[in-house]
Each structure stands twice: as C-alpha cells, then as structure tokens.
Amino acid sequence: MADLIKLTNLLDEAKCYEVIRQLRWPEGVVCPQCRGKGVVRNGHGERERSRQRYLCRTCKHRFDDLTGTVLAGHHQPVSTWVSCSYFMGVNLSNCQIAHELDLCESDVQAMTEALRHGIVVKTPDVVLSGDVEFDQLYVIAGHKGNPAAVLAAGRQGRRNRLKGVRGRGTLAKEKPPIFGMIERGGQVVIRMLPNVQQATIHPIIEKTVATGSTAYTDEYNIYARLPGLGCGHKTVCHGRGEYARDEDGDGFCEVHVNTIEILCWRSMEKAAVDRGSRAGEHAGPSAPVKPRAPRRTPPLGQGLDRRLLGPARAQHAIDGRS
C-alpha cells in the first residue's frame, strides 16, 4: 500500500502564523506586558522561521507570535495545533486525532486539554438578568474518575452504578447536587456543588445574577433569602401540585420553573450526566433543543478560537469535578 501523506505536511507554517497574528492583533502588534504599540521586529525563531520575534521599545520586553498563549512552550509545530483544533471541531476522539496526526495518544490528550482549558478560562463570566429561574437536582455520580476521593471515602472502586441514599444528597454522600440558573430567552449556568445550603449558593447567585432581576423557584427554603440579595422572588409550590401560576390575569402563567426543568434537566438526562462523566460546570445559551442536523465539516482552521490567542491566565480548577 502506498505511503499516506500526513495532513500537517500540507499546511503552510507561514500561513498558520499569519492567521494567528491576524486573530491576535487585528489592529497591529501589541506588547503583552505593557500593552504598548511601539513594537519592532526582532528576528525569527530558531526552529520555526515563520515565528516572528518582537521587541517593545517602551518596556524592552521581548516576545514572539505565541508568547502568552496556550500554544507557547510546546514542541509540536503550530500546524499540528491548528489541525488538532480542527479535528476537535468535527468531534473526533483523541484516539482518532492521534491516528490522523501520527502522534501518541498521551500527546494528543495533553494538547486537547490545553485547548479546552484555554477556551474555558478566557470565556467571560455569564451574567443573568431579567426573569431567572433556579432549580436543583441530585445525581448519583459518586467519585467516578477521582481515585483519591474513593480512597478517602474508605471503599473499593465500583464497577456498577451506585444505588444512592434517600433524600437530598451531597457530594460527601456521593449524590452531588446540580444547581442551575437560566435566564428566560438567554443564558444558562449549571454548577455541581458539594451541597445546596444557603452559604454555598448565595455567593454564586450574587456573582451570576444581576441586581433587580426576578427569581423564580420552587418552595425549597434555601431560596427564602433571595430578596436580601437584591432579587425579586416568586415561587410555585410543587408539594401542593402547583407547577405554574398566573398572577397578572393575562392568561399566561408566568410564575414557574418549567424552562430549566425542560431545557436543562431533561437534556442532562439524555447526556447521561448521572454516569459521573463531566457534571462540573456549564455556561451557555439556553436555546431549545432542536433535531440533529447533518454534520457540516467546517473549513480547516475554523477551529482556531480567538480566545486561545489572548494573554494566558492562571489555571483555575473547574468547579465540581468529581
């Protein structure tokens, strides 16, 4: 069988760096240290001739096209990173990416983690406003994927699904609560928490929900002090069989938490979050779930996210990873 041509050999390193410069500095090169624009070229990289070096005349800082990004400090060429981000965009597994790029799976695992983390830490915090619904559910996730937590719990690793304990759960009981907030017609924020006590959820609400918003919840008493956080508060009592209520007499039941229950919790059940995979954190648009359309392969390079090329920030642990 004839030798196959590697995809990375078909990519032009110079064009890859040109795209990176256009995404990172659309209005001209800026010093990552002092943010000054008095920057001059200062040679090229020793291993990659297309990697431009710069010198800031203001602070005398030396940097290059990748300084301060998640692509800096790695031995893989930039064309390999572009190809990896493209394959992630078309939902290939790490094993498939390693096969396509002729790399070992451990290298691809490190690359995909760096790319995903780079996008997560650069994404601005979501702020919800207007009509916001709160709700919580409990999943029998246990400590799957966290051997240290299993050892601390004093039990052997399990092969089958936990049965779970009755009542409201906590992470210590291996039945962690998932706390969700959704702006009607807007964004959704989901966190896995150790518990859903007021001391745990109030800092999250203060950070995520804008003052003056109206909160819609069920009758659970952890929401009793929401007015003290600057939010209006309306409830429905599920214990009495009340799931929606019309308060202004217009025939539309505006007091409910059906949006988060339908769009979030049912979607999470379909995604099998209770298998303990990645129930940690999610923030994104709350558009209704639509039937899956045929996959359209994006152009090569569309997967290179602008957020990956900004200044690097310290790594933060994603909340709720069990």
C-alpha atoms as a PDB file:
ATOM      1  CA  MET A   1       0.000   0.000   0.000  1.00  0.00           C
ATOM      2  CA  ALA A   2       1.328   3.458  -0.864  1.00  0.00           C
ATOM      3  CA  ASP A   3       2.501   5.681   1.976  1.00  0.00           C
ATOM      4  CA  LEU A   4      -0.140   8.143   3.131  1.00  0.00           C
ATOM      5  CA  ILE A   5       0.594  11.851   3.138  1.00  0.00           C
ATOM      6  CA  LYS A   6       0.369  13.454   6.578  1.00  0.00           C
ATOM      7  CA  LEU A   7      -2.167  16.250   6.774  1.00  0.00           C
ATOM      8  CA  THR A   8       0.260  18.513   8.652  1.00  0.00           C
ATOM      9  CA  ASN A   9       2.655  18.330   5.693  1.00  0.00           C
ATOM     10  CA  LEU A  10       0.032  20.035   3.544  1.00  0.00           C
ATOM     11  CA  LEU A  11      -0.266  23.050   5.857  1.00  0.00           C
ATOM     12  CA  ASP A  12       1.925  26.082   5.335  1.00  0.00           C
ATOM     13  CA  GLU A  13       3.555  27.152   8.623  1.00  0.00           C
ATOM     14  CA  ALA A  14       3.936  30.724   7.364  1.00  0.00           C
ATOM     15  CA  LYS A  15       0.211  30.999   6.619  1.00  0.00           C
ATOM     16  CA  CYS A  16      -0.641  29.494  10.018  1.00  0.00           C
ATOM     17  CA  TYR A  17       1.412  32.180  11.772  1.00  0.00           C
ATOM     18  CA  GLU A  18      -0.112  34.848   9.550  1.00  0.00           C
ATOM     19  CA  VAL A  19      -3.603  33.779  10.645  1.00  0.00           C
ATOM     20  CA  ILE A  20      -2.502  33.765  14.301  1.00  0.00           C
ATOM     21  CA  ARG A  21      -1.177  37.318  14.001  1.00  0.00           C
ATOM     22  CA  GLN A  22      -4.410  38.480  12.366  1.00  0.00           C
ATOM     23  CA  LEU A  23      -6.534  36.904  15.113  1.00  0.00           C
ATOM     24  CA  ARG A  24      -4.352  38.030  17.982  1.00  0.00           C
ATOM     25  CA  TRP A  25      -3.547  41.570  16.839  1.00  0.00           C
ATOM     26  CA  PRO A  26      -6.186  42.723  14.324  1.00  0.00           C
ATOM     27  CA  GLU A  27      -5.130  46.367  14.836  1.00  0.00           C
ATOM     28  CA  GLY A  28      -1.367  45.821  14.937  1.00  0.00           C
ATOM     29  CA  VAL A  29       1.112  44.072  17.228  1.00  0.00           C
ATOM     30  CA  VAL A  30       0.747  44.993  20.908  1.00  0.00           C
ATOM     31  CA  CYS A  31       3.247  44.249  23.685  1.00  0.00           C
ATOM     32  CA  PRO A  32       1.712  41.624  26.026  1.00  0.00           C
ATOM     33  CA  GLN A  33       3.482  43.144  29.033  1.00  0.00           C
ATOM     34  CA  CYS A  34       2.867  46.903  28.842  1.00  0.00           C
ATOM     35  CA  ARG A  35       0.162  46.886  26.107  1.00  0.00           C
ATOM     36  CA  GLY A  36       2.223  49.418  24.165  1.00  0.00           C
ATOM     37  CA  LYS A  37       2.180  49.620  20.377  1.00  0.00           C
ATOM     38  CA  GLY A  38       5.788  50.740  19.952  1.00  0.00           C
ATOM     39  CA  VAL A  39       6.884  47.292  18.778  1.00  0.00           C
ATOM     40  CA  VAL A  40       9.542  46.426  16.184  1.00  0.00           C
ATOM     41  CA  ARG A  41      10.509  43.114  14.611  1.00  0.00           C
ATOM     42  CA  ASN A  42      13.451  41.362  16.194  1.00  0.00           C
ATOM     43  CA  GLY A  43      14.344  38.330  14.092  1.00  0.00           C
ATOM     44  CA  HIS A  44      12.754  34.916  13.788  1.00  0.00           C
ATOM     45  CA  GLY A  45      12.507  31.706  15.776  1.00  0.00           C
ATOM     46  CA  GLU A  46      15.456  29.310  15.555  1.00  0.00           C
ATOM     47  CA  ARG A  47      13.350  26.198  14.903  1.00  0.00           C
ATOM     48  CA  GLU A  48      10.422  27.862  13.119  1.00  0.00           C
ATOM     49  CA  ARG A  49      11.492  30.592  10.732  1.00  0.00           C
ATOM     50  CA  SER A  50       7.911  31.798  10.295  1.00  0.00           C
ATOM     51  CA  ARG A  51       7.639  32.556  14.028  1.00  0.00           C
ATOM     52  CA  GLN A  52       8.267  36.285  14.240  1.00  0.00           C
ATOM     53  CA  ARG A  53      10.058  37.794  17.247  1.00  0.00           C
ATOM     54  CA  TYR A  54       9.416  41.325  18.530  1.00  0.00           C
ATOM     55  CA  LEU A  55      10.958  43.947  20.795  1.00  0.00           C
ATOM     56  CA  CYS A  56       8.915  46.532  22.677  1.00  0.00           C
ATOM     57  CA  ARG A  57      10.606  49.937  22.594  1.00  0.00           C
ATOM     58  CA  THR A  58       8.714  51.079  25.683  1.00  0.00           C
ATOM     59  CA  CYS A  59       9.481  48.327  28.221  1.00  0.00           C
ATOM     60  CA  LYS A  60      12.215  46.458  26.272  1.00  0.00           C
ATOM     61  CA  HIS A  61      10.185  43.242  26.552  1.00  0.00           C
ATOM     62  CA  ARG A  62      10.987  40.544  24.009  1.00  0.00           C
ATOM     63  CA  PHE A  63       8.223  38.253  22.767  1.00  0.00           C
ATOM     64  CA  ASP A  64       7.026  36.364  19.710  1.00  0.00           C
ATOM     65  CA  ASP A  65       3.801  35.388  17.978  1.00  0.00           C
ATOM     66  CA  LEU A  66       2.913  32.746  20.588  1.00  0.00           C
ATOM     67  CA  THR A  67       4.137  34.366  23.814  1.00  0.00           C
ATOM     68  CA  GLY A  68       1.433  34.325  26.481  1.00  0.00           C
ATOM     69  CA  THR A  69      -0.859  31.916  24.630  1.00  0.00           C
ATOM     70  CA  VAL A  70      -1.702  28.269  25.254  1.00  0.00           C
ATOM     71  CA  LEU A  71       0.320  27.408  22.145  1.00  0.00           C
ATOM     72  CA  ALA A  72       3.573  28.663  23.666  1.00  0.00           C
ATOM     73  CA  GLY A  73       6.144  26.383  25.267  1.00  0.00           C
ATOM     74  CA  HIS A  74       5.277  23.217  23.317  1.00  0.00           C
ATOM     75  CA  HIS A  75       7.438  21.228  20.936  1.00  0.00           C
ATOM     76  CA  GLN A  76       4.667  20.487  18.430  1.00  0.00           C
ATOM     77  CA  PRO A  77       4.630  22.838  15.403  1.00  0.00           C
ATOM     78  CA  VAL A  78       1.773  25.283  15.070  1.00  0.00           C
ATOM     79  CA  SER A  79       0.349  23.418  12.064  1.00  0.00           C
ATOM     80  CA  THR A  80      -0.201  20.401  14.321  1.00  0.00           C
ATOM     81  CA  TRP A  81      -2.099  22.564  16.815  1.00  0.00           C
ATOM     82  CA  VAL A  82      -4.274  24.006  14.053  1.00  0.00           C
ATOM     83  CA  SER A  83      -5.026  20.519  12.771  1.00  0.00           C
ATOM     84  CA  CYS A  84      -5.809  19.295  16.287  1.00  0.00           C
ATOM     85  CA  SER A  85      -8.241  22.161  16.902  1.00  0.00           C
ATOM     86  CA  TYR A  86      -9.905  21.424  13.574  1.00  0.00           C
ATOM     87  CA  PHE A  87     -10.371  17.739  14.402  1.00  0.00           C
ATOM     88  CA  MET A  88     -11.792  18.695  17.815  1.00  0.00           C
ATOM     89  CA  GLY A  89     -14.280  20.910  15.987  1.00  0.00           C
ATOM     90  CA  VAL A  90     -15.542  17.955  13.937  1.00  0.00           C
ATOM     91  CA  ASN A  91     -15.850  15.886  17.142  1.00  0.00           C
ATOM     92  CA  LEU A  92     -13.073  13.366  16.608  1.00  0.00           C
ATOM     93  CA  SER A  93     -11.864  11.405  19.609  1.00  0.00           C
ATOM     94  CA  ASN A  94      -8.317  11.708  20.939  1.00  0.00           C
ATOM     95  CA  CYS A  95      -7.544   8.275  19.520  1.00  0.00           C
ATOM     96  CA  GLN A  96      -8.705   9.321  16.057  1.00  0.00           C
ATOM     97  CA  ILE A  97      -6.788  12.614  16.232  1.00  0.00           C
ATOM     98  CA  ALA A  98      -3.629  10.761  17.255  1.00  0.00           C
ATOM     99  CA  HIS A  99      -4.050   8.434  14.280  1.00  0.00           C
ATOM    100  CA  GLU A 100      -4.619  11.307  11.827  1.00  0.00           C
ATOM    101  CA  LEU A 101      -1.661  13.353  13.090  1.00  0.00           C
ATOM    102  CA  ASP A 102       0.645  10.366  13.671  1.00  0.00           C
ATOM    103  CA  LEU A 103       1.082  11.227  17.366  1.00  0.00           C
ATOM    104  CA  CYS A 104       0.840   9.189  20.537  1.00  0.00           C
ATOM    105  CA  GLU A 105      -2.442   9.453  22.430  1.00  0.00           C
ATOM    106  CA  SER A 106      -0.811  10.975  25.531  1.00  0.00           C
ATOM    107  CA  ASP A 107       0.467  13.927  23.464  1.00  0.00           C
ATOM    108  CA  VAL A 108      -2.954  14.447  21.907  1.00  0.00           C
ATOM    109  CA  GLN A 109      -4.595  14.232  25.337  1.00  0.00           C
ATOM    110  CA  ALA A 110      -2.316  16.999  26.618  1.00  0.00           C
ATOM    111  CA  MET A 111      -2.989  19.134  23.526  1.00  0.00           C
ATOM    112  CA  THR A 112      -6.779  18.827  23.670  1.00  0.00           C
ATOM    113  CA  GLU A 113      -6.808  19.565  27.405  1.00  0.00           C
ATOM    114  CA  ALA A 114      -4.707  22.680  26.844  1.00  0.00           C
ATOM    115  CA  LEU A 115      -7.011  23.885  24.054  1.00  0.00           C
ATOM    116  CA  ARG A 116     -10.194  23.253  26.056  1.00  0.00           C
ATOM    117  CA  HIS A 117      -8.774  24.881  29.167  1.00  0.00           C
ATOM    118  CA  GLY A 118      -7.619  27.866  27.146  1.00  0.00           C
ATOM    119  CA  ILE A 119     -11.158  28.452  25.916  1.00  0.00           C
ATOM    120  CA  VAL A 120     -12.748  27.948  29.356  1.00  0.00           C
ATOM    121  CA  VAL A 121     -10.521  30.398  31.251  1.00  0.00           C
ATOM    122  CA  LYS A 122     -10.803  33.065  28.530  1.00  0.00           C
ATOM    123  CA  THR A 123     -14.593  32.899  28.350  1.00  0.00           C
ATOM    124  CA  PRO A 124     -16.090  35.860  30.258  1.00  0.00           C
ATOM    125  CA  ASP A 125     -18.346  35.144  33.205  1.00  0.00           C
ATOM    126  CA  VAL A 126     -22.036  34.885  32.361  1.00  0.00           C
ATOM    127  CA  VAL A 127     -24.347  37.458  33.972  1.00  0.00           C
ATOM    128  CA  LEU A 128     -28.066  36.638  34.062  1.00  0.00           C
ATOM    129  CA  SER A 129     -30.748  39.331  34.282  1.00  0.00           C
ATOM    130  CA  GLY A 130     -34.480  39.794  33.916  1.00  0.00           C
ATOM    131  CA  ASP A 131     -36.526  36.676  34.666  1.00  0.00           C
ATOM    132  CA  VAL A 132     -34.218  33.986  36.063  1.00  0.00           C
ATOM    133  CA  GLU A 133     -35.273  30.502  37.132  1.00  0.00           C
ATOM    134  CA  PHE A 134     -33.420  28.499  39.798  1.00  0.00           C
ATOM    135  CA  ASP A 135     -33.654  24.786  40.432  1.00  0.00           C
ATOM    136  CA  GLN A 136     -31.573  21.841  41.594  1.00  0.00           C
ATOM    137  CA  LEU A 137     -31.398  18.118  41.082  1.00  0.00           C
ATOM    138  CA  TYR A 138     -29.308  15.310  42.512  1.00  0.00           C
ATOM    139  CA  VAL A 139     -27.317  12.783  40.512  1.00  0.00           C
ATOM    140  CA  ILE A 140     -25.816   9.505  41.650  1.00  0.00           C
ATOM    141  CA  ALA A 141     -22.411  10.349  40.250  1.00  0.00           C
ATOM    142  CA  GLY A 142     -20.217   9.297  43.142  1.00  0.00           C
ATOM    143  CA  HIS A 143     -16.473   9.833  42.871  1.00  0.00           C
ATOM    144  CA  LYS A 144     -16.054   8.163  39.494  1.00  0.00           C
ATOM    145  CA  GLY A 145     -12.835   9.294  37.863  1.00  0.00           C
ATOM    146  CA  ASN A 146     -11.364  10.508  41.176  1.00  0.00           C
ATOM    147  CA  PRO A 147      -9.461   7.603  42.826  1.00  0.00           C
ATOM    148  CA  ALA A 148      -8.206   9.814  45.663  1.00  0.00           C
ATOM    149  CA  ALA A 149     -11.786  10.665  46.699  1.00  0.00           C
ATOM    150  CA  VAL A 150     -12.768   6.972  46.518  1.00  0.00           C
ATOM    151  CA  LEU A 151      -9.850   6.091  48.781  1.00  0.00           C
ATOM    152  CA  ALA A 152     -10.787   8.869  51.221  1.00  0.00           C
ATOM    153  CA  ALA A 153     -14.350   7.528  51.314  1.00  0.00           C
ATOM    154  CA  GLY A 154     -12.965   4.221  52.601  1.00  0.00           C
ATOM    155  CA  ARG A 155     -14.389   1.920  49.956  1.00  0.00           C
ATOM    156  CA  GLN A 156     -13.265  -0.035  46.949  1.00  0.00           C
ATOM    157  CA  GLY A 157     -13.738   1.251  43.428  1.00  0.00           C
ATOM    158  CA  ARG A 158     -17.112   0.292  41.995  1.00  0.00           C
ATOM    159  CA  ARG A 159     -17.974  -1.342  38.714  1.00  0.00           C
ATOM    160  CA  ASN A 160     -21.709  -0.684  38.696  1.00  0.00           C
ATOM    161  CA  ARG A 161     -23.957   2.306  39.320  1.00  0.00           C
ATOM    162  CA  LEU A 162     -24.457   3.398  42.936  1.00  0.00           C
ATOM    163  CA  LYS A 163     -27.899   2.913  44.428  1.00  0.00           C
ATOM    164  CA  GLY A 164     -27.785   6.254  46.217  1.00  0.00           C
ATOM    165  CA  VAL A 165     -29.274   7.340  49.532  1.00  0.00           C
ATOM    166  CA  ARG A 166     -32.779   8.630  50.080  1.00  0.00           C
ATOM    167  CA  GLY A 167     -33.491  12.333  50.346  1.00  0.00           C
ATOM    168  CA  ARG A 168     -31.457  15.361  49.316  1.00  0.00           C
ATOM    169  CA  GLY A 169     -27.870  14.479  48.586  1.00  0.00           C
ATOM    170  CA  THR A 170     -24.416  15.973  48.984  1.00  0.00           C
ATOM    171  CA  LEU A 171     -21.063  15.295  47.366  1.00  0.00           C
ATOM    172  CA  ALA A 172     -19.914  13.595  50.587  1.00  0.00           C
ATOM    173  CA  LYS A 173     -22.801  11.119  50.218  1.00  0.00           C
ATOM    174  CA  GLU A 174     -21.802  10.572  46.564  1.00  0.00           C
ATOM    175  CA  LYS A 175     -25.100  12.082  45.462  1.00  0.00           C
ATOM    176  CA  PRO A 176     -23.988  15.600  44.466  1.00  0.00           C
ATOM    177  CA  PRO A 177     -26.484  18.379  43.784  1.00  0.00           C
ATOM    178  CA  ILE A 178     -26.534  20.128  40.410  1.00  0.00           C
ATOM    179  CA  PHE A 179     -27.590  23.761  40.785  1.00  0.00           C
ATOM    180  CA  GLY A 180     -28.935  25.518  37.700  1.00  0.00           C
ATOM    181  CA  MET A 181     -29.842  29.104  36.802  1.00  0.00           C
ATOM    182  CA  ILE A 182     -31.405  30.074  33.488  1.00  0.00           C
ATOM    183  CA  GLU A 183     -32.402  33.443  32.079  1.00  0.00           C
ATOM    184  CA  ARG A 184     -35.602  33.094  30.091  1.00  0.00           C
ATOM    185  CA  GLY A 185     -34.582  33.508  26.479  1.00  0.00           C
ATOM    186  CA  GLY A 186     -30.936  33.916  27.466  1.00  0.00           C
ATOM    187  CA  GLN A 187     -28.003  32.108  29.032  1.00  0.00           C
ATOM    188  CA  VAL A 188     -27.877  29.081  31.321  1.00  0.00           C
ATOM    189  CA  VAL A 189     -25.376  28.387  34.117  1.00  0.00           C
ATOM    190  CA  ILE A 190     -25.014  24.960  35.739  1.00  0.00           C
ATOM    191  CA  ARG A 191     -22.739  24.076  38.675  1.00  0.00           C
ATOM    192  CA  MET A 192     -22.130  20.872  40.580  1.00  0.00           C
ATOM    193  CA  LEU A 193     -21.810  21.766  44.269  1.00  0.00           C
ATOM    194  CA  PRO A 194     -20.866  19.933  47.475  1.00  0.00           C
ATOM    195  CA  ASN A 195     -24.284  20.875  48.861  1.00  0.00           C
ATOM    196  CA  VAL A 196     -27.102  23.369  48.262  1.00  0.00           C
ATOM    197  CA  GLN A 197     -27.043  25.220  51.548  1.00  0.00           C
ATOM    198  CA  GLN A 198     -27.604  28.970  51.526  1.00  0.00           C
ATOM    199  CA  ALA A 199     -23.953  29.627  52.359  1.00  0.00           C
ATOM    200  CA  THR A 200     -22.971  27.667  49.232  1.00  0.00           C
ATOM    201  CA  ILE A 201     -25.382  29.048  46.642  1.00  0.00           C
ATOM    202  CA  HIS A 202     -25.601  32.704  47.714  1.00  0.00           C
ATOM    203  CA  PRO A 203     -22.063  33.675  46.528  1.00  0.00           C
ATOM    204  CA  ILE A 204     -22.807  32.051  43.160  1.00  0.00           C
ATOM    205  CA  ILE A 205     -26.115  33.898  42.833  1.00  0.00           C
ATOM    206  CA  GLU A 206     -24.546  37.233  43.789  1.00  0.00           C
ATOM    207  CA  LYS A 207     -21.824  36.753  41.160  1.00  0.00           C
ATOM    208  CA  THR A 208     -24.078  35.480  38.374  1.00  0.00           C
ATOM    209  CA  VAL A 209     -27.462  37.224  38.717  1.00  0.00           C
ATOM    210  CA  ALA A 210     -27.778  40.977  38.172  1.00  0.00           C
ATOM    211  CA  THR A 211     -29.390  43.088  40.878  1.00  0.00           C
ATOM    212  CA  GLY A 212     -33.048  43.833  40.160  1.00  0.00           C
ATOM    213  CA  SER A 213     -33.730  40.522  38.444  1.00  0.00           C
ATOM    214  CA  THR A 214     -36.769  38.433  39.307  1.00  0.00           C
ATOM    215  CA  ALA A 215     -36.046  34.925  40.593  1.00  0.00           C
ATOM    216  CA  TYR A 216     -38.494  32.066  40.069  1.00  0.00           C
ATOM    217  CA  THR A 217     -38.041  28.997  42.268  1.00  0.00           C
ATOM    218  CA  ASP A 218     -39.906  26.164  43.913  1.00  0.00           C
ATOM    219  CA  GLU A 219     -40.773  26.183  47.631  1.00  0.00           C
ATOM    220  CA  TYR A 220     -37.382  24.917  48.846  1.00  0.00           C
ATOM    221  CA  ASN A 221     -36.336  27.097  51.816  1.00  0.00           C
ATOM    222  CA  ILE A 222     -32.766  27.668  50.564  1.00  0.00           C
ATOM    223  CA  TYR A 223     -34.255  30.376  48.335  1.00  0.00           C
ATOM    224  CA  ALA A 224     -36.016  32.205  51.173  1.00  0.00           C
ATOM    225  CA  ARG A 225     -33.365  34.943  51.457  1.00  0.00           C
ATOM    226  CA  LEU A 226     -33.136  35.847  47.777  1.00  0.00           C
ATOM    227  CA  PRO A 227     -34.795  39.263  48.319  1.00  0.00           C
ATOM    228  CA  GLY A 228     -31.821  40.136  50.525  1.00  0.00           C
ATOM    229  CA  LEU A 229     -29.544  39.622  47.517  1.00  0.00           C
ATOM    230  CA  GLY A 230     -31.357  42.287  45.510  1.00  0.00           C
ATOM    231  CA  CYS A 231     -33.677  39.953  43.581  1.00  0.00           C
ATOM    232  CA  GLY A 232     -37.415  39.789  43.415  1.00  0.00           C
ATOM    233  CA  HIS A 233     -38.682  36.353  44.377  1.00  0.00           C
ATOM    234  CA  LYS A 234     -41.705  34.367  43.238  1.00  0.00           C
ATOM    235  CA  THR A 235     -42.334  30.701  43.986  1.00  0.00           C
ATOM    236  CA  VAL A 236     -44.509  27.779  42.962  1.00  0.00           C
ATOM    237  CA  CYS A 237     -45.310  25.031  45.466  1.00  0.00           C
ATOM    238  CA  HIS A 238     -44.721  21.648  43.886  1.00  0.00           C
ATOM    239  CA  GLY A 239     -45.738  19.971  47.142  1.00  0.00           C
ATOM    240  CA  ARG A 240     -49.325  21.204  46.616  1.00  0.00           C
ATOM    241  CA  GLY A 241     -49.323  20.220  42.957  1.00  0.00           C
ATOM    242  CA  GLU A 242     -48.737  23.789  41.730  1.00  0.00           C
ATOM    243  CA  TYR A 243     -46.408  23.989  38.746  1.00  0.00           C
ATOM    244  CA  ALA A 244     -47.441  27.298  37.092  1.00  0.00           C
ATOM    245  CA  ARG A 245     -49.431  30.319  38.196  1.00  0.00           C
ATOM    246  CA  ASP A 246     -50.928  33.385  36.513  1.00  0.00           C
ATOM    247  CA  GLU A 247     -50.572  36.425  38.782  1.00  0.00           C
ATOM    248  CA  ASP A 248     -51.494  39.324  36.499  1.00  0.00           C
ATOM    249  CA  GLY A 249     -54.625  37.794  34.940  1.00  0.00           C
ATOM    250  CA  ASP A 250     -53.423  37.898  31.337  1.00  0.00           C
ATOM    251  CA  GLY A 251     -53.991  34.175  30.842  1.00  0.00           C
ATOM    252  CA  PHE A 252     -50.260  33.458  30.738  1.00  0.00           C
ATOM    253  CA  CYS A 253     -48.738  31.532  33.664  1.00  0.00           C
ATOM    254  CA  GLU A 254     -45.507  33.443  34.187  1.00  0.00           C
ATOM    255  CA  VAL A 255     -44.623  32.016  37.618  1.00  0.00           C
ATOM    256  CA  HIS A 256     -42.969  28.626  37.020  1.00  0.00           C
ATOM    257  CA  VAL A 257     -39.613  26.839  36.749  1.00  0.00           C
ATOM    258  CA  ASN A 258     -40.568  24.765  33.725  1.00  0.00           C
ATOM    259  CA  THR A 259     -37.905  26.335  31.493  1.00  0.00           C
ATOM    260  CA  ILE A 260     -34.969  24.977  33.461  1.00  0.00           C
ATOM    261  CA  GLU A 261     -36.668  21.664  34.155  1.00  0.00           C
ATOM    262  CA  ILE A 262     -37.372  21.012  30.482  1.00  0.00           C
ATOM    263  CA  LEU A 263     -34.358  22.541  28.738  1.00  0.00           C
ATOM    264  CA  CYS A 264     -31.653  21.667  31.271  1.00  0.00           C
ATOM    265  CA  TRP A 265     -32.542  18.673  33.382  1.00  0.00           C
ATOM    266  CA  ARG A 266     -34.050  16.597  30.603  1.00  0.00           C
ATOM    267  CA  SER A 267     -31.110  17.405  28.353  1.00  0.00           C
ATOM    268  CA  MET A 268     -28.732  16.345  31.112  1.00  0.00           C
ATOM    269  CA  GLU A 269     -30.562  13.069  31.498  1.00  0.00           C
ATOM    270  CA  LYS A 270     -30.154  12.414  27.783  1.00  0.00           C
ATOM    271  CA  ALA A 271     -26.462  13.229  28.046  1.00  0.00           C
ATOM    272  CA  ALA A 272     -26.135  10.670  30.887  1.00  0.00           C
ATOM    273  CA  VAL A 273     -24.541  13.151  33.273  1.00  0.00           C
ATOM    274  CA  ASP A 274     -25.525  10.874  36.171  1.00  0.00           C
ATOM    275  CA  ARG A 275     -22.890   8.432  34.928  1.00  0.00           C
ATOM    276  CA  GLY A 276     -20.338  10.714  36.578  1.00  0.00           C
ATOM    277  CA  SER A 277     -18.607  11.901  33.417  1.00  0.00           C
ATOM    278  CA  ARG A 278     -18.290  15.731  33.405  1.00  0.00           C
ATOM    279  CA  ALA A 279     -21.047  17.134  35.578  1.00  0.00           C
ATOM    280  CA  GLY A 280     -18.936  20.051  36.722  1.00  0.00           C
ATOM    281  CA  GLU A 281     -19.756  23.282  35.016  1.00  0.00           C
ATOM    282  CA  HIS A 282     -21.600  24.639  32.040  1.00  0.00           C
ATOM    283  CA  ALA A 283     -22.456  28.092  30.836  1.00  0.00           C
ATOM    284  CA  GLY A 284     -24.037  28.764  27.503  1.00  0.00           C
ATOM    285  CA  PRO A 285     -27.131  29.783  25.567  1.00  0.00           C
ATOM    286  CA  SER A 286     -30.466  28.304  26.532  1.00  0.00           C
ATOM    287  CA  ALA A 287     -31.827  27.763  23.032  1.00  0.00           C
ATOM    288  CA  PRO A 288     -34.438  24.982  22.725  1.00  0.00           C
ATOM    289  CA  VAL A 289     -33.138  21.577  21.765  1.00  0.00           C
ATOM    290  CA  LYS A 290     -33.588  21.012  18.016  1.00  0.00           C
ATOM    291  CA  PRO A 291     -33.389  17.827  15.961  1.00  0.00           C
ATOM    292  CA  ARG A 292     -29.836  16.993  14.992  1.00  0.00           C
ATOM    293  CA  ALA A 293     -28.944  18.300  11.557  1.00  0.00           C
ATOM    294  CA  PRO A 294     -26.487  16.563   9.230  1.00  0.00           C
ATOM    295  CA  ARG A 295     -22.923  17.379  10.201  1.00  0.00           C
ATOM    296  CA  ARG A 296     -21.250  20.006   8.053  1.00  0.00           C
ATOM    297  CA  THR A 297     -17.486  19.874   8.036  1.00  0.00           C
ATOM    298  CA  PRO A 298     -16.118  23.363   8.785  1.00  0.00           C
ATOM    299  CA  PRO A 299     -13.184  24.836   6.879  1.00  0.00           C
ATOM    300  CA  LEU A 300      -9.766  23.831   8.178  1.00  0.00           C
ATOM    301  CA  GLY A 301      -8.673  26.478  10.670  1.00  0.00           C
ATOM    302  CA  GLN A 302     -12.168  27.486  11.774  1.00  0.00           C
ATOM    303  CA  GLY A 303     -11.468  25.605  14.990  1.00  0.00           C
ATOM    304  CA  LEU A 304      -8.715  28.062  15.992  1.00  0.00           C
ATOM    305  CA  ASP A 305     -10.575  30.116  18.579  1.00  0.00           C
ATOM    306  CA  ARG A 306      -9.620  33.777  19.110  1.00  0.00           C
ATOM    307  CA  ARG A 307      -9.727  33.201  22.876  1.00  0.00           C
ATOM    308  CA  LEU A 308      -6.769  30.812  22.611  1.00  0.00           C
ATOM    309  CA  LEU A 309      -4.530  33.617  21.389  1.00  0.00           C
ATOM    310  CA  GLY A 310      -5.130  36.114  24.184  1.00  0.00           C
ATOM    311  CA  PRO A 311      -2.932  36.597  27.269  1.00  0.00           C
ATOM    312  CA  ALA A 312      -2.632  33.402  29.281  1.00  0.00           C
ATOM    313  CA  ARG A 313      -4.261  33.373  32.711  1.00  0.00           C
ATOM    314  CA  ALA A 314      -3.598  31.216  35.735  1.00  0.00           C
ATOM    315  CA  GLN A 315      -5.270  27.836  35.653  1.00  0.00           C
ATOM    316  CA  HIS A 316      -8.370  27.545  37.805  1.00  0.00           C
ATOM    317  CA  ALA A 317      -9.951  24.293  38.919  1.00  0.00           C
ATOM    318  CA  ILE A 318     -13.315  23.765  37.274  1.00  0.00           C
ATOM    319  CA  ASP A 319     -15.993  23.706  39.942  1.00  0.00           C
ATOM    320  CA  GLY A 320     -17.443  20.420  40.921  1.00  0.00           C
ATOM    321  CA  ARG A 321     -15.245  17.909  39.161  1.00  0.00           C
ATOM    322  CA  SER A 322     -15.900  14.666  40.978  1.00  0.00           C
END
